[in-house]
Amino acid sequence: MSEGRTLRQRTTGNPLDPNDASGSMVKPAELVDVVELTPLTLVDRRTYNLLIAHAWDRIDEHVEHNIPKAVLRGTHKGDERLSDTIQRLMAGQVEVRIIRDGKRYLQSIHLLGTVARPEDEHDDGNVYYRFPAEWREIIRQSSIFARLQTEVMFCFRGQRAGC
């Protein structure tokens, strides 16, 4: 099976740092233009983008990724919002446009597979996560992508001056 053009793209700068003006991430078009079957908040979508950016170098592999909880939490002090976001992302389903047998289809997939996070909200450990096999296959075949400037993505929080 051939690899799509999207996987050959690389992130630039540090896409996890909202202050890195050169930071950018790659997002397959199939995940940009989706029909949300489960409504997601702006924070949910930004967190999902961070999970994608952090895992990008091995995103199509059947591996468990991990990211520091503090990166996902951002400037928010407590974990209640992060817990809610992870629960919505795990329950979240989207429909993506795919080509199968030469025909256009809508495929319903979950955004995240399994997730493990510290039970103690004061524990700044890692969040461990996986992407579902069907999701990884879509990434593998993707040939159209968007490059998201992370500085702009973080501006949508409304907490940075000058955005």
C-alpha atoms as a PDB file:
ATOM      1  CA  MET A   1       0.000   0.000   0.000  1.00  0.00           C
ATOM      2  CA  SER A   2       1.435   3.363  -0.973  1.00  0.00           C
ATOM      3  CA  GLU A   3       1.929   6.215   1.433  1.00  0.00           C
ATOM      4  CA  GLY A   4       0.073   9.430   0.685  1.00  0.00           C
ATOM      5  CA  ARG A   5       1.776  12.775   0.284  1.00  0.00           C
ATOM      6  CA  THR A   6       0.494  14.088   3.624  1.00  0.00           C
ATOM      7  CA  LEU A   7       2.647  11.764   5.755  1.00  0.00           C
ATOM      8  CA  ARG A   8       5.790  13.052   4.056  1.00  0.00           C
ATOM      9  CA  GLN A   9       5.122  16.560   5.395  1.00  0.00           C
ATOM     10  CA  ARG A  10       6.875  17.656   8.600  1.00  0.00           C
ATOM     11  CA  THR A  11       5.922  20.001  11.389  1.00  0.00           C
ATOM     12  CA  THR A  12       7.987  23.172  11.706  1.00  0.00           C
ATOM     13  CA  GLY A  13       9.285  24.870  14.824  1.00  0.00           C
ATOM     14  CA  ASN A  14       7.580  23.685  17.983  1.00  0.00           C
ATOM     15  CA  PRO A  15       3.889  23.271  17.157  1.00  0.00           C
ATOM     16  CA  LEU A  16       3.113  22.721  20.851  1.00  0.00           C
ATOM     17  CA  ASP A  17       4.395  26.167  21.853  1.00  0.00           C
ATOM     18  CA  PRO A  18       1.843  28.979  21.389  1.00  0.00           C
ATOM     19  CA  ASN A  19       4.682  31.538  21.369  1.00  0.00           C
ATOM     20  CA  ASP A  20       6.650  29.919  18.537  1.00  0.00           C
ATOM     21  CA  ALA A  21       5.833  32.068  15.501  1.00  0.00           C
ATOM     22  CA  SER A  22       7.466  29.500  13.201  1.00  0.00           C
ATOM     23  CA  GLY A  23       5.493  26.567  14.621  1.00  0.00           C
ATOM     24  CA  SER A  24       3.150  24.759  12.267  1.00  0.00           C
ATOM     25  CA  MET A  25       1.473  21.387  12.115  1.00  0.00           C
ATOM     26  CA  VAL A  26       0.128  19.247   9.328  1.00  0.00           C
ATOM     27  CA  LYS A  27      -3.492  18.159   9.325  1.00  0.00           C
ATOM     28  CA  PRO A  28      -4.860  15.799   6.670  1.00  0.00           C
ATOM     29  CA  ALA A  29      -7.687  17.366   4.665  1.00  0.00           C
ATOM     30  CA  GLU A  30      -9.884  14.422   5.606  1.00  0.00           C
ATOM     31  CA  LEU A  31      -9.722  15.663   9.219  1.00  0.00           C
ATOM     32  CA  VAL A  32     -10.139  19.342   8.351  1.00  0.00           C
ATOM     33  CA  ASP A  33     -13.358  18.970   6.407  1.00  0.00           C
ATOM     34  CA  VAL A  34     -15.330  16.636   8.676  1.00  0.00           C
ATOM     35  CA  VAL A  35     -18.937  16.321   9.719  1.00  0.00           C
ATOM     36  CA  GLU A  36     -19.009  16.245  13.506  1.00  0.00           C
ATOM     37  CA  LEU A  37     -21.528  13.725  14.731  1.00  0.00           C
ATOM     38  CA  THR A  38     -20.605  14.769  18.274  1.00  0.00           C
ATOM     39  CA  PRO A  39     -20.259  18.539  18.873  1.00  0.00           C
ATOM     40  CA  LEU A  40     -16.786  19.631  19.986  1.00  0.00           C
ATOM     41  CA  THR A  41     -15.767  22.861  21.676  1.00  0.00           C
ATOM     42  CA  LEU A  42     -12.962  25.104  20.462  1.00  0.00           C
ATOM     43  CA  VAL A  43     -10.787  23.766  23.305  1.00  0.00           C
ATOM     44  CA  ASP A  44     -11.585  20.181  22.221  1.00  0.00           C
ATOM     45  CA  ARG A  45     -10.507  20.896  18.650  1.00  0.00           C
ATOM     46  CA  ARG A  46      -7.330  22.671  19.751  1.00  0.00           C
ATOM     47  CA  THR A  47      -6.458  19.793  22.099  1.00  0.00           C
ATOM     48  CA  TYR A  48      -7.052  17.305  19.289  1.00  0.00           C
ATOM     49  CA  ASN A  49      -4.731  19.296  17.035  1.00  0.00           C
ATOM     50  CA  LEU A  50      -2.060  19.153  19.761  1.00  0.00           C
ATOM     51  CA  LEU A  51      -2.453  15.370  20.013  1.00  0.00           C
ATOM     52  CA  ILE A  52      -2.032  15.082  16.238  1.00  0.00           C
ATOM     53  CA  ALA A  53       0.986  17.432  16.146  1.00  0.00           C
ATOM     54  CA  HIS A  54       2.718  15.666  19.027  1.00  0.00           C
ATOM     55  CA  ALA A  55       2.252  12.219  17.461  1.00  0.00           C
ATOM     56  CA  TRP A  56       2.940  13.284  13.873  1.00  0.00           C
ATOM     57  CA  ASP A  57       6.286  11.539  13.312  1.00  0.00           C
ATOM     58  CA  ARG A  58       4.686   8.152  14.101  1.00  0.00           C
ATOM     59  CA  ILE A  59       1.021   8.995  13.560  1.00  0.00           C
ATOM     60  CA  ASP A  60       0.304   6.135  11.148  1.00  0.00           C
ATOM     61  CA  GLU A  61       1.850   3.471  13.388  1.00  0.00           C
ATOM     62  CA  HIS A  62       0.008   1.234  15.843  1.00  0.00           C
ATOM     63  CA  VAL A  63       1.763   2.748  18.867  1.00  0.00           C
ATOM     64  CA  GLU A  64       0.786   4.458  22.081  1.00  0.00           C
ATOM     65  CA  HIS A  65       1.692   8.143  22.024  1.00  0.00           C
ATOM     66  CA  ASN A  66       2.211  10.243  25.160  1.00  0.00           C
ATOM     67  CA  ILE A  67       2.170  13.938  25.851  1.00  0.00           C
ATOM     68  CA  PRO A  68       2.683  15.858  29.099  1.00  0.00           C
ATOM     69  CA  LYS A  69      -0.624  16.777  30.703  1.00  0.00           C
ATOM     70  CA  ALA A  70       0.650  20.313  31.231  1.00  0.00           C
ATOM     71  CA  VAL A  71       0.950  20.830  27.441  1.00  0.00           C
ATOM     72  CA  LEU A  72      -2.698  19.872  26.951  1.00  0.00           C
ATOM     73  CA  ARG A  73      -3.880  21.890  29.935  1.00  0.00           C
ATOM     74  CA  GLY A  74      -2.189  25.081  28.739  1.00  0.00           C
ATOM     75  CA  THR A  75      -2.685  28.035  31.066  1.00  0.00           C
ATOM     76  CA  HIS A  76      -5.745  26.506  32.732  1.00  0.00           C
ATOM     77  CA  LYS A  77      -4.907  25.465  36.314  1.00  0.00           C
ATOM     78  CA  GLY A  78      -7.278  22.548  36.929  1.00  0.00           C
ATOM     79  CA  ASP A  79      -7.815  19.273  35.114  1.00  0.00           C
ATOM     80  CA  GLU A  80     -11.602  19.289  34.978  1.00  0.00           C
ATOM     81  CA  ARG A  81     -11.637  20.914  31.556  1.00  0.00           C
ATOM     82  CA  LEU A  82      -8.966  18.522  30.251  1.00  0.00           C
ATOM     83  CA  SER A  83     -10.910  15.510  31.560  1.00  0.00           C
ATOM     84  CA  ASP A  84     -14.095  16.741  29.885  1.00  0.00           C
ATOM     85  CA  THR A  85     -12.230  17.374  26.633  1.00  0.00           C
ATOM     86  CA  ILE A  86     -10.678  13.901  26.596  1.00  0.00           C
ATOM     87  CA  GLN A  87     -14.074  12.323  27.268  1.00  0.00           C
ATOM     88  CA  ARG A  88     -15.656  14.275  24.387  1.00  0.00           C
ATOM     89  CA  LEU A  89     -12.789  13.380  22.046  1.00  0.00           C
ATOM     90  CA  MET A  90     -13.063   9.694  22.945  1.00  0.00           C
ATOM     91  CA  ALA A  91     -16.818   9.744  22.385  1.00  0.00           C
ATOM     92  CA  GLY A  92     -16.457  12.002  19.371  1.00  0.00           C
ATOM     93  CA  GLN A  93     -17.377  10.604  16.010  1.00  0.00           C
ATOM     94  CA  VAL A  94     -16.871  12.262  12.671  1.00  0.00           C
ATOM     95  CA  GLU A  95     -17.700  11.427   9.104  1.00  0.00           C
ATOM     96  CA  VAL A  96     -14.841  11.717   6.645  1.00  0.00           C
ATOM     97  CA  ARG A  97     -14.965  11.572   2.882  1.00  0.00           C
ATOM     98  CA  ILE A  98     -13.028   8.635   1.444  1.00  0.00           C
ATOM     99  CA  ILE A  99     -12.643   6.903  -1.902  1.00  0.00           C
ATOM    100  CA  ARG A 100     -13.342   3.181  -1.809  1.00  0.00           C
ATOM    101  CA  ASP A 101     -13.531   0.919  -4.856  1.00  0.00           C
ATOM    102  CA  GLY A 102     -13.354   4.057  -6.979  1.00  0.00           C
ATOM    103  CA  LYS A 103     -16.472   5.549  -5.369  1.00  0.00           C
ATOM    104  CA  ARG A 104     -16.969   8.338  -2.829  1.00  0.00           C
ATOM    105  CA  TYR A 105     -18.067   7.244   0.642  1.00  0.00           C
ATOM    106  CA  LEU A 106     -18.651   8.806   4.045  1.00  0.00           C
ATOM    107  CA  GLN A 107     -16.894   6.817   6.747  1.00  0.00           C
ATOM    108  CA  SER A 108     -17.824   7.276  10.415  1.00  0.00           C
ATOM    109  CA  ILE A 109     -14.854   7.005  12.770  1.00  0.00           C
ATOM    110  CA  HIS A 110     -13.964   7.778  16.382  1.00  0.00           C
ATOM    111  CA  LEU A 111     -11.413  10.526  16.914  1.00  0.00           C
ATOM    112  CA  LEU A 112      -9.419   8.701  19.599  1.00  0.00           C
ATOM    113  CA  GLY A 113      -8.804   5.152  20.667  1.00  0.00           C
ATOM    114  CA  THR A 114      -7.791   4.369  24.231  1.00  0.00           C
ATOM    115  CA  VAL A 115      -6.558   7.112  26.558  1.00  0.00           C
ATOM    116  CA  ALA A 116      -4.886   6.804  29.965  1.00  0.00           C
ATOM    117  CA  ARG A 117      -4.255   9.804  32.199  1.00  0.00           C
ATOM    118  CA  PRO A 118      -3.225  10.219  35.846  1.00  0.00           C
ATOM    119  CA  GLU A 119      -6.205   9.793  38.159  1.00  0.00           C
ATOM    120  CA  ASP A 120      -4.857  12.403  40.569  1.00  0.00           C
ATOM    121  CA  GLU A 121      -5.678  15.795  39.055  1.00  0.00           C
ATOM    122  CA  HIS A 122      -2.554  17.276  40.693  1.00  0.00           C
ATOM    123  CA  ASP A 123      -0.270  14.719  39.023  1.00  0.00           C
ATOM    124  CA  ASP A 124       1.459  16.352  36.053  1.00  0.00           C
ATOM    125  CA  GLY A 125       2.275  13.042  34.379  1.00  0.00           C
ATOM    126  CA  ASN A 126       1.669  12.113  30.792  1.00  0.00           C
ATOM    127  CA  VAL A 127      -1.508  11.412  28.877  1.00  0.00           C
ATOM    128  CA  TYR A 128      -1.168   8.202  26.825  1.00  0.00           C
ATOM    129  CA  TYR A 129      -3.324   7.812  23.736  1.00  0.00           C
ATOM    130  CA  ARG A 130      -3.865   5.854  20.539  1.00  0.00           C
ATOM    131  CA  PHE A 131      -5.565   6.575  17.254  1.00  0.00           C
ATOM    132  CA  PRO A 132      -7.999   3.973  15.864  1.00  0.00           C
ATOM    133  CA  ALA A 133      -6.802   1.718  13.008  1.00  0.00           C
ATOM    134  CA  GLU A 134      -9.362   3.142  10.552  1.00  0.00           C
ATOM    135  CA  TRP A 135      -8.201   6.654  11.374  1.00  0.00           C
ATOM    136  CA  ARG A 136      -4.547   5.697  10.795  1.00  0.00           C
ATOM    137  CA  GLU A 137      -5.454   4.212   7.408  1.00  0.00           C
ATOM    138  CA  ILE A 138      -7.103   7.478   6.364  1.00  0.00           C
ATOM    139  CA  ILE A 139      -3.915   9.332   7.361  1.00  0.00           C
ATOM    140  CA  ARG A 140      -1.786   6.821   5.466  1.00  0.00           C
ATOM    141  CA  GLN A 141      -3.750   7.373   2.255  1.00  0.00           C
ATOM    142  CA  SER A 142      -4.132  11.136   2.562  1.00  0.00           C
ATOM    143  CA  SER A 143      -2.630  13.233  -0.208  1.00  0.00           C
ATOM    144  CA  ILE A 144      -4.164  16.637   0.584  1.00  0.00           C
ATOM    145  CA  PHE A 145      -3.396  18.507   3.787  1.00  0.00           C
ATOM    146  CA  ALA A 146      -3.592  21.837   5.562  1.00  0.00           C
ATOM    147  CA  ARG A 147      -0.680  23.484   7.337  1.00  0.00           C
ATOM    148  CA  LEU A 148      -1.921  25.142  10.530  1.00  0.00           C
ATOM    149  CA  GLN A 149       0.156  27.895  12.090  1.00  0.00           C
ATOM    150  CA  THR A 150       0.048  27.030  15.767  1.00  0.00           C
ATOM    151  CA  GLU A 151       0.488  30.637  16.861  1.00  0.00           C
ATOM    152  CA  VAL A 152      -2.804  31.418  15.121  1.00  0.00           C
ATOM    153  CA  MET A 153      -4.468  28.268  16.447  1.00  0.00           C
ATOM    154  CA  PHE A 154      -3.651  29.304  20.022  1.00  0.00           C
ATOM    155  CA  CYS A 155      -4.962  32.839  19.422  1.00  0.00           C
ATOM    156  CA  PHE A 156      -8.490  31.474  19.205  1.00  0.00           C
ATOM    157  CA  ARG A 157      -8.355  30.956  22.970  1.00  0.00           C
ATOM    158  CA  GLY A 158      -8.850  34.657  23.371  1.00  0.00           C
ATOM    159  CA  GLN A 159      -6.290  34.806  26.182  1.00  0.00           C
ATOM    160  CA  ARG A 160      -3.304  36.192  24.268  1.00  0.00           C
ATOM    161  CA  ALA A 161      -2.972  39.907  23.673  1.00  0.00           C
ATOM    162  CA  GLY A 162      -2.619  41.035  20.102  1.00  0.00           C
ATOM    163  CA  CYS A 163      -4.387  38.094  18.500  1.00  0.00           C
END
